PDB file of N, CA and C in Angstrom:
ATOM      1  N   MET A   1       0.804  -1.037   0.145  1.00  0.00           N
ATOM      2  CA  MET A   1      -0.121   0.116   0.048  1.00  0.00           C
ATOM      3  C   MET A   1       0.938   1.110   0.084  1.00  0.00           C
ATOM      4  N   ALA A   2       0.869   2.063  -0.911  1.00  0.00           N
ATOM      5  CA  ALA A   2       1.778   3.488  -0.967  1.00  0.00           C
ATOM      6  C   ALA A   2       1.508   4.325  -0.034  1.00  0.00           C
ATOM      7  N   ASN A   3       0.350   4.578   0.785  1.00  0.00           N
ATOM      8  CA  ASN A   3       0.030   5.146   1.843  1.00  0.00           C
ATOM      9  C   ASN A   3       0.691   4.747   3.209  1.00  0.00           C
ATOM     10  N   GLU A   4       0.969   3.430   3.308  1.00  0.00           N
ATOM     11  CA  GLU A   4       1.408   2.835   4.519  1.00  0.00           C
ATOM     12  C   GLU A   4       2.692   3.604   4.868  1.00  0.00           C
ATOM     13  N   TYR A   5       2.626   3.745   6.315  1.00  0.00           N
ATOM     14  CA  TYR A   5       3.695   4.486   7.242  1.00  0.00           C
ATOM     15  C   TYR A   5       4.857   3.561   7.339  1.00  0.00           C
ATOM     16  N   ASN A   6       5.772   3.544   6.421  1.00  0.00           N
ATOM     17  CA  ASN A   6       6.797   2.603   6.657  1.00  0.00           C
ATOM     18  C   ASN A   6       8.253   3.007   6.522  1.00  0.00           C
ATOM     19  N   ARG A   7       9.382   2.374   6.563  1.00  0.00           N
ATOM     20  CA  ARG A   7      10.555   3.138   6.236  1.00  0.00           C
ATOM     21  C   ARG A   7      10.833   3.621   4.872  1.00  0.00           C
ATOM     22  N   ASN A   8      10.530   2.494   3.932  1.00  0.00           N
ATOM     23  CA  ASN A   8      10.870   2.505   2.526  1.00  0.00           C
ATOM     24  C   ASN A   8       9.922   3.750   1.891  1.00  0.00           C
ATOM     25  N   ASN A   9       8.343   4.198   2.524  1.00  0.00           N
ATOM     26  CA  ASN A   9       7.679   4.633   1.971  1.00  0.00           C
ATOM     27  C   ASN A   9       8.145   6.180   2.270  1.00  0.00           C
ATOM     28  N   MET A  10       8.592   6.554   3.568  1.00  0.00           N
ATOM     29  CA  MET A  10       9.225   7.424   4.080  1.00  0.00           C
ATOM     30  C   MET A  10      10.455   8.133   3.367  1.00  0.00           C
ATOM     31  N   ILE A  11      11.257   7.055   2.858  1.00  0.00           N
ATOM     32  CA  ILE A  11      12.703   7.275   2.202  1.00  0.00           C
ATOM     33  C   ILE A  11      11.977   7.946   1.119  1.00  0.00           C
ATOM     34  N   GLN A  12      11.063   7.258   0.341  1.00  0.00           N
ATOM     35  CA  GLN A  12      10.680   7.552  -1.053  1.00  0.00           C
ATOM     36  C   GLN A  12      10.177   8.981  -1.132  1.00  0.00           C
ATOM     37  N   ALA A  13       9.206   9.374  -0.020  1.00  0.00           N
ATOM     38  CA  ALA A  13       8.730  10.206   0.259  1.00  0.00           C
ATOM     39  C   ALA A  13       9.746  11.616   0.329  1.00  0.00           C
ATOM     40  N   MET A  14      11.099  11.502   0.999  1.00  0.00           N
ATOM     41  CA  MET A  14      11.918  12.429   1.044  1.00  0.00           C
ATOM     42  C   MET A  14      12.946  12.564  -0.394  1.00  0.00           C
ATOM     43  N   LYS A  15      12.714  11.342  -1.054  1.00  0.00           N
ATOM     44  CA  LYS A  15      13.479  11.406  -2.326  1.00  0.00           C
ATOM     45  C   LYS A  15      12.606  12.232  -3.360  1.00  0.00           C
ATOM     46  N   ASP A  16      11.318  12.199  -3.246  1.00  0.00           N
ATOM     47  CA  ASP A  16      10.379  12.701  -4.406  1.00  0.00           C
ATOM     48  C   ASP A  16      10.411  14.036  -3.861  1.00  0.00           C
ATOM     49  N   HIS A  17      10.284  14.288  -2.466  1.00  0.00           N
ATOM     50  CA  HIS A  17      10.411  15.973  -2.233  1.00  0.00           C
ATOM     51  C   HIS A  17      11.896  16.608  -2.576  1.00  0.00           C
ATOM     52  N   ALA A  18      12.839  15.855  -2.538  1.00  0.00           N
ATOM     53  CA  ALA A  18      13.995  16.447  -2.886  1.00  0.00           C
ATOM     54  C   ALA A  18      14.093  16.657  -4.650  1.00  0.00           C
ATOM     55  N   LYS A  19      13.749  15.497  -5.429  1.00  0.00           N
ATOM     56  CA  LYS A  19      13.687  15.884  -6.656  1.00  0.00           C
ATOM     57  C   LYS A  19      12.694  16.988  -7.261  1.00  0.00           C
ATOM     58  N   GLY A  20      11.314  17.223  -6.501  1.00  0.00           N
ATOM     59  CA  GLY A  20      10.790  17.965  -7.017  1.00  0.00           C
ATOM     60  C   GLY A  20      11.555  19.477  -6.976  1.00  0.00           C
ATOM     61  N   HIS A  21      11.984  19.571  -5.455  1.00  0.00           N
ATOM     62  CA  HIS A  21      12.695  20.903  -5.318  1.00  0.00           C
ATOM     63  C   HIS A  21      13.831  21.313  -6.270  1.00  0.00           C
ATOM     64  N   ILE A  22      14.494  19.842  -6.835  1.00  0.00           N
ATOM     65  CA  ILE A  22      15.535  20.041  -7.839  1.00  0.00           C
ATOM     66  C   ILE A  22      14.831  20.515  -9.084  1.00  0.00           C
ATOM     67  N   ALA A  23      13.921  19.947  -9.441  1.00  0.00           N
ATOM     68  CA  ALA A  23      13.104  20.413 -10.481  1.00  0.00           C
ATOM     69  C   ALA A  23      12.646  21.785 -10.796  1.00  0.00           C
ATOM     70  N   LYS A  24      11.847  22.178  -9.667  1.00  0.00           N
ATOM     71  CA  LYS A  24      11.691  23.600  -9.450  1.00  0.00           C
ATOM     72  C   LYS A  24      12.732  24.845  -9.514  1.00  0.00           C
ATOM     73  N   HIS A  25      13.684  24.272  -9.072  1.00  0.00           N
ATOM     74  CA  HIS A  25      15.006  25.393  -9.060  1.00  0.00           C
ATOM     75  C   HIS A  25      15.694  25.055 -10.067  1.00  0.00           C
ATOM     76  N   ALA A  26      15.714  24.168 -10.965  1.00  0.00           N
ATOM     77  CA  ALA A  26      16.539  24.055 -12.368  1.00  0.00           C
ATOM     78  C   ALA A  26      15.414  24.693 -13.244  1.00  0.00           C
ATOM     79  N   MET A  27      14.425  24.742 -13.236  1.00  0.00           N
ATOM     80  CA  MET A  27      13.560  25.529 -14.123  1.00  0.00           C
ATOM     81  C   MET A  27      14.038  26.940 -13.772  1.00  0.00           C
ATOM     82  N   ASN A  28      13.725  27.290 -12.602  1.00  0.00           N
ATOM     83  CA  ASN A  28      14.157  28.839 -12.568  1.00  0.00           C
ATOM     84  C   ASN A  28      15.766  29.276 -13.145  1.00  0.00           C
ATOM     85  N   VAL A  29      16.766  28.227 -13.060  1.00  0.00           N
ATOM     86  CA  VAL A  29      17.867  28.439 -13.707  1.00  0.00           C
ATOM     87  C   VAL A  29      17.543  28.699 -14.923  1.00  0.00           C
ATOM     88  N   GLU A  30      17.008  27.889 -15.664  1.00  0.00           N
ATOM     89  CA  GLU A  30      16.428  27.833 -16.988  1.00  0.00           C
ATOM     90  C   GLU A  30      15.926  29.112 -17.573  1.00  0.00           C
ATOM     91  N   VAL A  31      14.885  29.902 -16.842  1.00  0.00           N
ATOM     92  CA  VAL A  31      14.340  30.772 -17.084  1.00  0.00           C
ATOM     93  C   VAL A  31      15.394  32.004 -17.137  1.00  0.00           C
ATOM     94  N   TYR A  32      16.289  32.070 -15.954  1.00  0.00           N
ATOM     95  CA  TYR A  32      17.254  32.834 -15.951  1.00  0.00           C
ATOM     96  C   TYR A  32      18.276  32.947 -17.362  1.00  0.00           C
ATOM     97  N   LEU A  33      18.570  31.988 -17.502  1.00  0.00           N
ATOM     98  CA  LEU A  33      19.285  31.676 -18.799  1.00  0.00           C
ATOM     99  C   LEU A  33      18.795  32.095 -20.009  1.00  0.00           C
ATOM    100  N   LYS A  34      17.650  31.738 -20.390  1.00  0.00           N
ATOM    101  CA  LYS A  34      16.753  32.008 -21.605  1.00  0.00           C
ATOM    102  C   LYS A  34      16.252  33.513 -21.213  1.00  0.00           C
ATOM    103  N   ASN A  35      16.039  33.906 -20.544  1.00  0.00           N
ATOM    104  CA  ASN A  35      15.156  35.051 -20.383  1.00  0.00           C
ATOM    105  C   ASN A  35      15.755  36.237 -19.628  1.00  0.00           C
ATOM    106  N   ALA A  36      17.037  36.236 -19.324  1.00  0.00           N
ATOM    107  CA  ALA A  36      17.543  37.245 -18.336  1.00  0.00           C
ATOM    108  C   ALA A  36      17.207  38.507 -18.376  1.00  0.00           C
ATOM    109  N   ALA A  37      17.066  39.053 -19.437  1.00  0.00           N
ATOM    110  CA  ALA A  37      16.661  40.399 -19.586  1.00  0.00           C
ATOM    111  C   ALA A  37      15.260  40.705 -18.947  1.00  0.00           C
ATOM    112  N   GLY A  38      14.511  39.827 -18.762  1.00  0.00           N
ATOM    113  CA  GLY A  38      12.863  39.730 -18.707  1.00  0.00           C
ATOM    114  C   GLY A  38      12.801  39.763 -16.941  1.00  0.00           C
ATOM    115  N   VAL A  39      13.919  39.279 -16.318  1.00  0.00           N
ATOM    116  CA  VAL A  39      13.846  39.359 -15.013  1.00  0.00           C
ATOM    117  C   VAL A  39      13.992  40.798 -14.140  1.00  0.00           C
ATOM    118  N   GLY A  40      13.402  41.154 -14.066  1.00  0.00           N
ATOM    119  CA  GLY A  40      13.323  42.752 -13.549  1.00  0.00           C
ATOM    120  C   GLY A  40      13.979  42.832 -11.945  1.00  0.00           C
ATOM    121  N   GLU A  41      13.238  42.000 -11.184  1.00  0.00           N
ATOM    122  CA  GLU A  41      13.721  42.050  -9.854  1.00  0.00           C
ATOM    123  C   GLU A  41      15.177  41.576  -9.541  1.00  0.00           C
ATOM    124  N   HIS A  42      15.785  41.072 -10.536  1.00  0.00           N
ATOM    125  CA  HIS A  42      16.985  40.337 -10.563  1.00  0.00           C
ATOM    126  C   HIS A  42      17.889  41.063 -11.182  1.00  0.00           C
ATOM    127  N   PRO A  43      18.606  42.324 -10.788  1.00  0.00           N
ATOM    128  CA  PRO A  43      19.589  42.692 -11.424  1.00  0.00           C
ATOM    129  C   PRO A  43      21.011  41.948 -12.026  1.00  0.00           C
ATOM    130  N   ASP A  44      21.139  41.358 -10.689  1.00  0.00           N
ATOM    131  CA  ASP A  44      22.503  40.452 -10.965  1.00  0.00           C
ATOM    132  C   ASP A  44      22.038  38.860 -11.312  1.00  0.00           C
ATOM    133  N   VAL A  45      21.832  38.785 -12.365  1.00  0.00           N
ATOM    134  CA  VAL A  45      21.157  37.153 -12.893  1.00  0.00           C
ATOM    135  C   VAL A  45      22.237  36.359 -12.444  1.00  0.00           C
ATOM    136  N   LEU A  46      23.627  36.407 -12.582  1.00  0.00           N
ATOM    137  CA  LEU A  46      24.485  35.403 -12.300  1.00  0.00           C
ATOM    138  C   LEU A  46      24.255  35.153 -10.724  1.00  0.00           C
ATOM    139  N   GLU A  47      24.134  36.066  -9.746  1.00  0.00           N
ATOM    140  CA  GLU A  47      24.300  35.882  -8.551  1.00  0.00           C
ATOM    141  C   GLU A  47      23.105  35.090  -8.345  1.00  0.00           C
ATOM    142  N   ALA A  48      21.676  35.253  -9.003  1.00  0.00           N
ATOM    143  CA  ALA A  48      20.502  34.563  -8.538  1.00  0.00           C
ATOM    144  C   ALA A  48      20.607  33.399  -9.198  1.00  0.00           C
ATOM    145  N   ILE A  49      21.387  33.030 -10.427  1.00  0.00           N
ATOM    146  CA  ILE A  49      21.380  31.527 -10.835  1.00  0.00           C
ATOM    147  C   ILE A  49      22.498  31.194  -9.686  1.00  0.00           C
ATOM    148  N   GLU A  50      23.514  31.549  -9.223  1.00  0.00           N
ATOM    149  CA  GLU A  50      24.247  30.826  -8.212  1.00  0.00           C
ATOM    150  C   GLU A  50      23.439  30.347  -6.973  1.00  0.00           C
ATOM    151  N   LYS A  51      22.654  31.294  -6.706  1.00  0.00           N
ATOM    152  CA  LYS A  51      21.729  31.010  -5.319  1.00  0.00           C
ATOM    153  C   LYS A  51      21.032  29.661  -5.842  1.00  0.00           C
ATOM    154  N   GLU A  52      20.112  29.613  -6.967  1.00  0.00           N
ATOM    155  CA  GLU A  52      19.401  28.460  -7.349  1.00  0.00           C
ATOM    156  C   GLU A  52      20.395  27.282  -7.283  1.00  0.00           C
ATOM    157  N   LEU A  53      21.465  27.245  -7.844  1.00  0.00           N
ATOM    158  CA  LEU A  53      22.530  26.291  -8.025  1.00  0.00           C
ATOM    159  C   LEU A  53      22.890  25.614  -6.486  1.00  0.00           C
ATOM    160  N   LYS A  54      22.843  26.571  -5.328  1.00  0.00           N
ATOM    161  CA  LYS A  54      23.008  26.149  -4.328  1.00  0.00           C
ATOM    162  C   LYS A  54      22.308  25.250  -3.709  1.00  0.00           C
ATOM    163  N   ILE A  55      20.759  25.700  -4.016  1.00  0.00           N
ATOM    164  CA  ILE A  55      19.557  25.090  -3.309  1.00  0.00           C
ATOM    165  C   ILE A  55      19.593  23.860  -4.168  1.00  0.00           C
ATOM    166  N   ILE A  56      19.719  23.788  -5.490  1.00  0.00           N
ATOM    167  CA  ILE A  56      19.881  22.549  -6.110  1.00  0.00           C
ATOM    168  C   ILE A  56      21.040  21.407  -5.588  1.00  0.00           C
ATOM    169  N   ALA A  57      22.068  22.086  -5.206  1.00  0.00           N
ATOM    170  CA  ALA A  57      23.119  21.049  -4.635  1.00  0.00           C
ATOM    171  C   ALA A  57      22.829  20.600  -3.270  1.00  0.00           C
ATOM    172  N   GLU A  58      22.011  21.438  -2.545  1.00  0.00           N
ATOM    173  CA  GLU A  58      21.569  20.992  -1.044  1.00  0.00           C
ATOM    174  C   GLU A  58      20.561  19.667  -1.333  1.00  0.00           C
ATOM    175  N   TYR A  59      19.712  19.747  -2.257  1.00  0.00           N
ATOM    176  CA  TYR A  59      18.543  18.733  -2.242  1.00  0.00           C
ATOM    177  C   TYR A  59      19.262  17.385  -3.084  1.00  0.00           C
ATOM    178  N   HIS A  60      20.470  17.780  -3.780  1.00  0.00           N
ATOM    179  CA  HIS A  60      21.082  16.863  -4.668  1.00  0.00           C
ATOM    180  C   HIS A  60      21.710  15.910  -3.529  1.00  0.00           C
ATOM    181  N   ASP A  61      22.693  16.596  -2.539  1.00  0.00           N
ATOM    182  CA  ASP A  61      23.434  16.326  -1.576  1.00  0.00           C
ATOM    183  C   ASP A  61      22.354  15.232  -0.927  1.00  0.00           C
ATOM    184  N   GLN A  62      21.133  15.621  -0.381  1.00  0.00           N
ATOM    185  CA  GLN A  62      20.249  14.771   0.431  1.00  0.00           C
ATOM    186  C   GLN A  62      19.949  13.545  -0.351  1.00  0.00           C
ATOM    187  N   LEU A  63      19.794  13.587  -1.862  1.00  0.00           N
ATOM    188  CA  LEU A  63      19.399  12.520  -2.425  1.00  0.00           C
ATOM    189  C   LEU A  63      20.681  11.557  -2.295  1.00  0.00           C
ATOM    190  N   GLU A  64      22.131  11.887  -2.294  1.00  0.00           N
ATOM    191  CA  GLU A  64      22.979  10.929  -2.488  1.00  0.00           C
ATOM    192  C   GLU A  64      23.160  10.399  -0.949  1.00  0.00           C
ATOM    193  N   VAL A  65      22.851  11.282   0.183  1.00  0.00           N
ATOM    194  CA  VAL A  65      23.042  10.705   1.465  1.00  0.00           C
ATOM    195  C   VAL A  65      22.071   9.663   1.686  1.00  0.00           C
ATOM    196  N   LEU A  66      20.743   9.823   1.139  1.00  0.00           N
ATOM    197  CA  LEU A  66      19.827   8.980   1.161  1.00  0.00           C
ATOM    198  C   LEU A  66      19.916   7.706   0.523  1.00  0.00           C
ATOM    199  N   ASP A  67      20.549   7.599  -0.580  1.00  0.00           N
ATOM    200  CA  ASP A  67      21.019   6.575  -1.358  1.00  0.00           C
ATOM    201  C   ASP A  67      22.151   5.846  -0.821  1.00  0.00           C
ATOM    202  N   LYS A  68      23.138   6.577  -0.263  1.00  0.00           N
ATOM    203  CA  LYS A  68      24.339   5.951   0.256  1.00  0.00           C
ATOM    204  C   LYS A  68      24.047   5.080   1.675  1.00  0.00           C
ATOM    205  N   TYR A  69      23.430   5.788   2.503  1.00  0.00           N
ATOM    206  CA  TYR A  69      23.288   5.424   3.885  1.00  0.00           C
ATOM    207  C   TYR A  69      21.836   4.663   4.107  1.00  0.00           C
ATOM    208  N   PHE A  70      20.958   4.927   3.269  1.00  0.00           N
ATOM    209  CA  PHE A  70      19.659   4.430   3.631  1.00  0.00           C
ATOM    210  C   PHE A  70      19.036   3.555   2.666  1.00  0.00           C
TER     211      PHE A  70
END
């Protein structure tokens, strides 16, 4: 049962959560890369991209830890 409260489902939920955030922040980077002039609230586009990459790296690290240790 997919909604069962067990170890495997909790780990999968954490992985799905991290993957969703990676997809969200990767899309933000794509928007900056393809439409940098149209992003008015971010005058320093490269800094904005760097912040998004740091967030992606954090969630990527979580996935690696889950895979390696759990």
